[in-house]
Amino acid sequence: MNVTVEDVKRDPEGVLHRVLDGETLVVTADDQPVAEIRPVERIRRPRPFGLAAGTFVVPDNFDDPLPEDVLQDFE
C-alpha cells in the first residue's frame, strides 16, 4: 500500500498503527517511492538453559516466607 510523505506528516501515529497491524507501506513523494516502512521480523529463539549459571548463588532461604514489613510494602 502506498502513502505519501504528506500522509506520514499528517498522521504519523496512524501510519505506525498500520505497520504494527502487519501492513508494509511504501512512502511516495511526487509519485515516486522513497521509502518502505514494514514490520520488523522478530525471530524468537529459546534462551539456552543455564544461561546465567555460576554468575550468582541462590541463598538457602530463597523460598522462605517474606518478613512482615516487606509484605506490607506490597499492599
PDB file of N, CA and C in Angstrom:
ATOM      1  N   MET A   1       0.842  -1.169   0.000  1.00  0.00           N
ATOM      2  CA  MET A   1       0.000   0.000   0.000  1.00  0.00           C
ATOM      3  C   MET A   1       0.892   1.238   0.000  1.00  0.00           C
ATOM      4  N   ASN A   2       0.517   2.242  -0.762  1.00  0.00           N
ATOM      5  CA  ASN A   2       1.282   3.477  -0.833  1.00  0.00           C
ATOM      6  C   ASN A   2       0.696   4.542   0.081  1.00  0.00           C
ATOM      7  N   VAL A   3       1.579   5.308   0.694  1.00  0.00           N
ATOM      8  CA  VAL A   3       1.201   6.511   1.436  1.00  0.00           C
ATOM      9  C   VAL A   3       2.156   7.610   0.996  1.00  0.00           C
ATOM     10  N   THR A   4       1.696   8.834   1.049  1.00  0.00           N
ATOM     11  CA  THR A   4       2.550   9.946   0.653  1.00  0.00           C
ATOM     12  C   THR A   4       3.312  10.478   1.857  1.00  0.00           C
ATOM     13  N   VAL A   5       4.349  11.241   1.567  1.00  0.00           N
ATOM     14  CA  VAL A   5       5.093  11.892   2.640  1.00  0.00           C
ATOM     15  C   VAL A   5       4.137  12.769   3.444  1.00  0.00           C
ATOM     16  N   GLU A   6       3.217  13.415   2.762  1.00  0.00           N
ATOM     17  CA  GLU A   6       2.233  14.262   3.440  1.00  0.00           C
ATOM     18  C   GLU A   6       1.355  13.447   4.387  1.00  0.00           C
ATOM     19  N   ASP A   7       0.964  12.228   3.969  1.00  0.00           N
ATOM     20  CA  ASP A   7       0.179  11.346   4.850  1.00  0.00           C
ATOM     21  C   ASP A   7       0.951  11.043   6.129  1.00  0.00           C
ATOM     22  N   VAL A   8       2.239  10.765   5.969  1.00  0.00           N
ATOM     23  CA  VAL A   8       3.070  10.433   7.131  1.00  0.00           C
ATOM     24  C   VAL A   8       3.201  11.639   8.048  1.00  0.00           C
ATOM     25  N   LYS A   9       3.385  12.826   7.470  1.00  0.00           N
ATOM     26  CA  LYS A   9       3.496  14.045   8.280  1.00  0.00           C
ATOM     27  C   LYS A   9       2.184  14.354   8.996  1.00  0.00           C
ATOM     28  N   ARG A  10       1.069  14.153   8.301  1.00  0.00           N
ATOM     29  CA  ARG A  10      -0.243  14.489   8.855  1.00  0.00           C
ATOM     30  C   ARG A  10      -0.678  13.514   9.950  1.00  0.00           C
ATOM     31  N   ASP A  11      -0.381  12.227   9.765  1.00  0.00           N
ATOM     32  CA  ASP A  11      -0.870  11.221  10.711  1.00  0.00           C
ATOM     33  C   ASP A  11       0.186  10.145  10.962  1.00  0.00           C
ATOM     34  N   PRO A  12       1.311  10.518  11.585  1.00  0.00           N
ATOM     35  CA  PRO A  12       2.358   9.511  11.808  1.00  0.00           C
ATOM     36  C   PRO A  12       1.899   8.354  12.686  1.00  0.00           C
ATOM     37  N   GLU A  13       1.044   8.645  13.665  1.00  0.00           N
ATOM     38  CA  GLU A  13       0.566   7.578  14.544  1.00  0.00           C
ATOM     39  C   GLU A  13      -0.307   6.591  13.774  1.00  0.00           C
ATOM     40  N   GLY A  14      -1.137   7.094  12.884  1.00  0.00           N
ATOM     41  CA  GLY A  14      -1.976   6.218  12.074  1.00  0.00           C
ATOM     42  C   GLY A  14      -1.152   5.320  11.170  1.00  0.00           C
ATOM     43  N   VAL A  15      -0.093   5.896  10.587  1.00  0.00           N
ATOM     44  CA  VAL A  15       0.809   5.107   9.747  1.00  0.00           C
ATOM     45  C   VAL A  15       1.464   4.016  10.578  1.00  0.00           C
ATOM     46  N   LEU A  16       1.930   4.381  11.758  1.00  0.00           N
ATOM     47  CA  LEU A  16       2.579   3.400  12.625  1.00  0.00           C
ATOM     48  C   LEU A  16       1.615   2.284  13.021  1.00  0.00           C
ATOM     49  N   HIS A  17       0.368   2.626  13.309  1.00  0.00           N
ATOM     50  CA  HIS A  17      -0.612   1.592  13.672  1.00  0.00           C
ATOM     51  C   HIS A  17      -0.824   0.615  12.517  1.00  0.00           C
ATOM     52  N   ARG A  18      -0.828   1.126  11.298  1.00  0.00           N
ATOM     53  CA  ARG A  18      -0.991   0.235  10.148  1.00  0.00           C
ATOM     54  C   ARG A  18       0.185  -0.738  10.053  1.00  0.00           C
ATOM     55  N   VAL A  19       1.387  -0.220  10.296  1.00  0.00           N
ATOM     56  CA  VAL A  19       2.572  -1.079  10.258  1.00  0.00           C
ATOM     57  C   VAL A  19       2.523  -2.093  11.395  1.00  0.00           C
ATOM     58  N   LEU A  20       2.119  -1.641  12.586  1.00  0.00           N
ATOM     59  CA  LEU A  20       2.015  -2.558  13.719  1.00  0.00           C
ATOM     60  C   LEU A  20       0.980  -3.653  13.466  1.00  0.00           C
ATOM     61  N   ASP A  21      -0.006  -3.354  12.623  1.00  0.00           N
ATOM     62  CA  ASP A  21      -1.010  -4.354  12.256  1.00  0.00           C
ATOM     63  C   ASP A  21      -0.506  -5.305  11.172  1.00  0.00           C
ATOM     64  N   GLY A  22       0.755  -5.114  10.744  1.00  0.00           N
ATOM     65  CA  GLY A  22       1.348  -6.043   9.794  1.00  0.00           C
ATOM     66  C   GLY A  22       1.442  -5.551   8.366  1.00  0.00           C
ATOM     67  N   GLU A  23       1.006  -4.336   8.113  1.00  0.00           N
ATOM     68  CA  GLU A  23       0.997  -3.817   6.749  1.00  0.00           C
ATOM     69  C   GLU A  23       2.373  -3.245   6.377  1.00  0.00           C
ATOM     70  N   THR A  24       2.793  -3.467   5.144  1.00  0.00           N
ATOM     71  CA  THR A  24       4.002  -2.839   4.618  1.00  0.00           C
ATOM     72  C   THR A  24       3.571  -1.641   3.787  1.00  0.00           C
ATOM     73  N   LEU A  25       4.156  -0.483   4.078  1.00  0.00           N
ATOM     74  CA  LEU A  25       3.775   0.751   3.399  1.00  0.00           C
ATOM     75  C   LEU A  25       4.947   1.282   2.584  1.00  0.00           C
ATOM     76  N   VAL A  26       4.655   1.746   1.369  1.00  0.00           N
ATOM     77  CA  VAL A  26       5.649   2.410   0.536  1.00  0.00           C
ATOM     78  C   VAL A  26       5.339   3.898   0.588  1.00  0.00           C
ATOM     79  N   VAL A  27       6.318   4.678   1.028  1.00  0.00           N
ATOM     80  CA  VAL A  27       6.151   6.127   1.119  1.00  0.00           C
ATOM     81  C   VAL A  27       6.568   6.722  -0.218  1.00  0.00           C
ATOM     82  N   THR A  28       5.705   7.582  -0.761  1.00  0.00           N
ATOM     83  CA  THR A  28       5.992   8.184  -2.055  1.00  0.00           C
ATOM     84  C   THR A  28       6.070   9.700  -1.938  1.00  0.00           C
ATOM     85  N   ALA A  29       6.890  10.283  -2.808  1.00  0.00           N
ATOM     86  CA  ALA A  29       6.974  11.736  -2.967  1.00  0.00           C
ATOM     87  C   ALA A  29       6.957  11.996  -4.470  1.00  0.00           C
ATOM     88  N   ASP A  30       6.052  12.846  -4.900  1.00  0.00           N
ATOM     89  CA  ASP A  30       5.887  13.109  -6.342  1.00  0.00           C
ATOM     90  C   ASP A  30       5.676  11.812  -7.114  1.00  0.00           C
ATOM     91  N   ASP A  31       4.864  10.944  -6.547  1.00  0.00           N
ATOM     92  CA  ASP A  31       4.516   9.648  -7.145  1.00  0.00           C
ATOM     93  C   ASP A  31       5.709   8.713  -7.341  1.00  0.00           C
ATOM     94  N   GLN A  32       6.804   8.988  -6.654  1.00  0.00           N
ATOM     95  CA  GLN A  32       7.977   8.125  -6.717  1.00  0.00           C
ATOM     96  C   GLN A  32       8.214   7.496  -5.351  1.00  0.00           C
ATOM     97  N   PRO A  33       8.468   6.197  -5.291  1.00  0.00           N
ATOM     98  CA  PRO A  33       8.741   5.570  -3.995  1.00  0.00           C
ATOM     99  C   PRO A  33      10.056   6.089  -3.415  1.00  0.00           C
ATOM    100  N   VAL A  34      10.012   6.456  -2.134  1.00  0.00           N
ATOM    101  CA  VAL A  34      11.216   6.964  -1.472  1.00  0.00           C
ATOM    102  C   VAL A  34      11.595   6.148  -0.242  1.00  0.00           C
ATOM    103  N   ALA A  35      10.649   5.407   0.296  1.00  0.00           N
ATOM    104  CA  ALA A  35      10.942   4.617   1.496  1.00  0.00           C
ATOM    105  C   ALA A  35       9.908   3.516   1.634  1.00  0.00           C
ATOM    106  N   GLU A  36      10.297   2.509   2.397  1.00  0.00           N
ATOM    107  CA  GLU A  36       9.375   1.426   2.724  1.00  0.00           C
ATOM    108  C   GLU A  36       9.362   1.279   4.237  1.00  0.00           C
ATOM    109  N   ILE A  37       8.177   1.243   4.795  1.00  0.00           N
ATOM    110  CA  ILE A  37       8.024   1.036   6.235  1.00  0.00           C
ATOM    111  C   ILE A  37       7.316  -0.298   6.407  1.00  0.00           C
ATOM    112  N   ARG A  38       7.967  -1.196   7.129  1.00  0.00           N
ATOM    113  CA  ARG A  38       7.382  -2.531   7.294  1.00  0.00           C
ATOM    114  C   ARG A  38       7.641  -3.030   8.704  1.00  0.00           C
ATOM    115  N   PRO A  39       6.850  -3.982   9.137  1.00  0.00           N
ATOM    116  CA  PRO A  39       7.075  -4.558  10.466  1.00  0.00           C
ATOM    117  C   PRO A  39       8.428  -5.262  10.517  1.00  0.00           C
ATOM    118  N   VAL A  40       9.049  -5.213  11.659  1.00  0.00           N
ATOM    119  CA  VAL A  40      10.308  -5.913  11.867  1.00  0.00           C
ATOM    120  C   VAL A  40      10.005  -7.391  12.073  1.00  0.00           C
ATOM    121  N   GLU A  41      10.750  -8.221  11.375  1.00  0.00           N
ATOM    122  CA  GLU A  41      10.580  -9.658  11.570  1.00  0.00           C
ATOM    123  C   GLU A  41      11.280 -10.048  12.858  1.00  0.00           C
ATOM    124  N   ARG A  42      10.519 -10.565  13.760  1.00  0.00           N
ATOM    125  CA  ARG A  42      11.081 -10.964  15.045  1.00  0.00           C
ATOM    126  C   ARG A  42      11.281 -12.468  15.058  1.00  0.00           C
ATOM    127  N   ILE A  43      12.503 -12.843  15.286  1.00  0.00           N
ATOM    128  CA  ILE A  43      12.830 -14.262  15.387  1.00  0.00           C
ATOM    129  C   ILE A  43      12.973 -14.579  16.864  1.00  0.00           C
ATOM    130  N   ARG A  44      12.098 -15.415  17.345  1.00  0.00           N
ATOM    131  CA  ARG A  44      12.157 -15.797  18.752  1.00  0.00           C
ATOM    132  C   ARG A  44      12.942 -17.082  18.884  1.00  0.00           C
ATOM    133  N   ARG A  45      14.013 -16.964  19.613  1.00  0.00           N
ATOM    134  CA  ARG A  45      14.830 -18.143  19.882  1.00  0.00           C
ATOM    135  C   ARG A  45      14.725 -18.461  21.356  1.00  0.00           C
ATOM    136  N   PRO A  46      14.617 -19.726  21.685  1.00  0.00           N
ATOM    137  CA  PRO A  46      14.569 -20.069  23.112  1.00  0.00           C
ATOM    138  C   PRO A  46      15.898 -19.721  23.777  1.00  0.00           C
ATOM    139  N   ARG A  47      15.797 -19.240  24.991  1.00  0.00           N
ATOM    140  CA  ARG A  47      17.012 -18.946  25.746  1.00  0.00           C
ATOM    141  C   ARG A  47      17.662 -20.262  26.156  1.00  0.00           C
ATOM    142  N   PRO A  48      18.973 -20.315  26.039  1.00  0.00           N
ATOM    143  CA  PRO A  48      19.641 -21.564  26.416  1.00  0.00           C
ATOM    144  C   PRO A  48      19.536 -21.818  27.912  1.00  0.00           C
ATOM    145  N   PHE A  49      19.358 -23.076  28.276  1.00  0.00           N
ATOM    146  CA  PHE A  49      19.276 -23.464  29.673  1.00  0.00           C
ATOM    147  C   PHE A  49      20.609 -23.179  30.344  1.00  0.00           C
ATOM    148  N   GLY A  50      20.556 -22.603  31.531  1.00  0.00           N
ATOM    149  CA  GLY A  50      21.774 -22.335  32.289  1.00  0.00           C
ATOM    150  C   GLY A  50      22.535 -21.115  31.805  1.00  0.00           C
ATOM    151  N   LEU A  51      21.850 -20.183  31.174  1.00  0.00           N
ATOM    152  CA  LEU A  51      22.492 -19.001  30.609  1.00  0.00           C
ATOM    153  C   LEU A  51      23.300 -18.220  31.643  1.00  0.00           C
ATOM    154  N   ALA A  52      22.796 -18.138  32.871  1.00  0.00           N
ATOM    155  CA  ALA A  52      23.483 -17.379  33.923  1.00  0.00           C
ATOM    156  C   ALA A  52      24.147 -18.297  34.953  1.00  0.00           C
ATOM    157  N   ALA A  53      24.353 -19.542  34.587  1.00  0.00           N
ATOM    158  CA  ALA A  53      24.937 -20.495  35.539  1.00  0.00           C
ATOM    159  C   ALA A  53      26.273 -19.989  36.062  1.00  0.00           C
ATOM    160  N   GLY A  54      26.399 -20.019  37.390  1.00  0.00           N
ATOM    161  CA  GLY A  54      27.645 -19.626  38.020  1.00  0.00           C
ATOM    162  C   GLY A  54      27.814 -18.142  38.246  1.00  0.00           C
ATOM    163  N   THR A  55      26.853 -17.320  37.822  1.00  0.00           N
ATOM    164  CA  THR A  55      27.000 -15.872  37.992  1.00  0.00           C
ATOM    165  C   THR A  55      26.415 -15.371  39.301  1.00  0.00           C
ATOM    166  N   PHE A  56      25.584 -16.174  39.944  1.00  0.00           N
ATOM    167  CA  PHE A  56      25.049 -15.804  41.253  1.00  0.00           C
ATOM    168  C   PHE A  56      24.685 -17.065  42.012  1.00  0.00           C
ATOM    169  N   VAL A  57      24.491 -16.898  43.308  1.00  0.00           N
ATOM    170  CA  VAL A  57      24.150 -18.029  44.165  1.00  0.00           C
ATOM    171  C   VAL A  57      22.768 -17.777  44.746  1.00  0.00           C
ATOM    172  N   VAL A  58      21.896 -18.756  44.636  1.00  0.00           N
ATOM    173  CA  VAL A  58      20.571 -18.660  45.242  1.00  0.00           C
ATOM    174  C   VAL A  58      20.715 -19.053  46.708  1.00  0.00           C
ATOM    175  N   PRO A  59      20.333 -18.147  47.619  1.00  0.00           N
ATOM    176  CA  PRO A  59      20.503 -18.462  49.039  1.00  0.00           C
ATOM    177  C   PRO A  59      19.588 -19.606  49.478  1.00  0.00           C
ATOM    178  N   ASP A  60      19.991 -20.288  50.526  1.00  0.00           N
ATOM    179  CA  ASP A  60      19.211 -21.417  51.043  1.00  0.00           C
ATOM    180  C   ASP A  60      17.818 -20.996  51.493  1.00  0.00           C
ATOM    181  N   ASN A  61      17.655 -19.752  51.937  1.00  0.00           N
ATOM    182  CA  ASN A  61      16.357 -19.296  52.440  1.00  0.00           C
ATOM    183  C   ASN A  61      15.512 -18.635  51.343  1.00  0.00           C
ATOM    184  N   PHE A  62      15.827 -18.872  50.098  1.00  0.00           N
ATOM    185  CA  PHE A  62      15.134 -18.233  48.978  1.00  0.00           C
ATOM    186  C   PHE A  62      13.620 -18.442  49.032  1.00  0.00           C
ATOM    187  N   ASP A  63      13.176 -19.629  49.383  1.00  0.00           N
ATOM    188  CA  ASP A  63      11.747 -19.948  49.394  1.00  0.00           C
ATOM    189  C   ASP A  63      11.069 -19.663  50.729  1.00  0.00           C
ATOM    190  N   ASP A  64      11.789 -19.136  51.690  1.00  0.00           N
ATOM    191  CA  ASP A  64      11.189 -18.808  52.987  1.00  0.00           C
ATOM    192  C   ASP A  64      10.185 -17.666  52.831  1.00  0.00           C
ATOM    193  N   PRO A  65       9.176 -17.619  53.693  1.00  0.00           N
ATOM    194  CA  PRO A  65       8.221 -16.510  53.631  1.00  0.00           C
ATOM    195  C   PRO A  65       8.942 -15.174  53.837  1.00  0.00           C
ATOM    196  N   LEU A  66       8.417 -14.144  53.188  1.00  0.00           N
ATOM    197  CA  LEU A  66       8.991 -12.807  53.338  1.00  0.00           C
ATOM    198  C   LEU A  66       8.667 -12.247  54.715  1.00  0.00           C
ATOM    199  N   PRO A  67       9.527 -11.383  55.239  1.00  0.00           N
ATOM    200  CA  PRO A  67       9.233 -10.742  56.524  1.00  0.00           C
ATOM    201  C   PRO A  67       7.977  -9.876  56.411  1.00  0.00           C
ATOM    202  N   GLU A  68       7.289  -9.705  57.504  1.00  0.00           N
ATOM    203  CA  GLU A  68       6.023  -8.963  57.527  1.00  0.00           C
ATOM    204  C   GLU A  68       6.184  -7.541  56.988  1.00  0.00           C
ATOM    205  N   ASP A  69       7.292  -6.851  57.352  1.00  0.00           N
ATOM    206  CA  ASP A  69       7.471  -5.469  56.892  1.00  0.00           C
ATOM    207  C   ASP A  69       7.628  -5.393  55.367  1.00  0.00           C
ATOM    208  N   VAL A  70       8.217  -6.407  54.759  1.00  0.00           N
ATOM    209  CA  VAL A  70       8.340  -6.428  53.305  1.00  0.00           C
ATOM    210  C   VAL A  70       6.977  -6.687  52.676  1.00  0.00           C
ATOM    211  N   LEU A  71       6.202  -7.599  53.234  1.00  0.00           N
ATOM    212  CA  LEU A  71       4.863  -7.883  52.714  1.00  0.00           C
ATOM    213  C   LEU A  71       3.975  -6.649  52.765  1.00  0.00           C
ATOM    214  N   GLN A  72       4.117  -5.847  53.814  1.00  0.00           N
ATOM    215  CA  GLN A  72       3.311  -4.627  53.940  1.00  0.00           C
ATOM    216  C   GLN A  72       3.635  -3.628  52.829  1.00  0.00           C
ATOM    217  N   ASP A  73       4.860  -3.629  52.346  1.00  0.00           N
ATOM    218  CA  ASP A  73       5.239  -2.723  51.256  1.00  0.00           C
ATOM    219  C   ASP A  73       4.497  -3.034  49.959  1.00  0.00           C
ATOM    220  N   PHE A  74       3.988  -4.245  49.823  1.00  0.00           N
ATOM    221  CA  PHE A  74       3.269  -4.634  48.615  1.00  0.00           C
ATOM    222  C   PHE A  74       1.773  -4.357  48.697  1.00  0.00           C
ATOM    223  N   GLU A  75       1.308  -3.907  49.829  1.00  0.00           N
ATOM    224  CA  GLU A  75      -0.132  -3.655  49.983  1.00  0.00           C
ATOM    225  C   GLU A  75      -0.491  -2.270  49.535  1.00  0.00           C
TER     226      GLU A  75
END
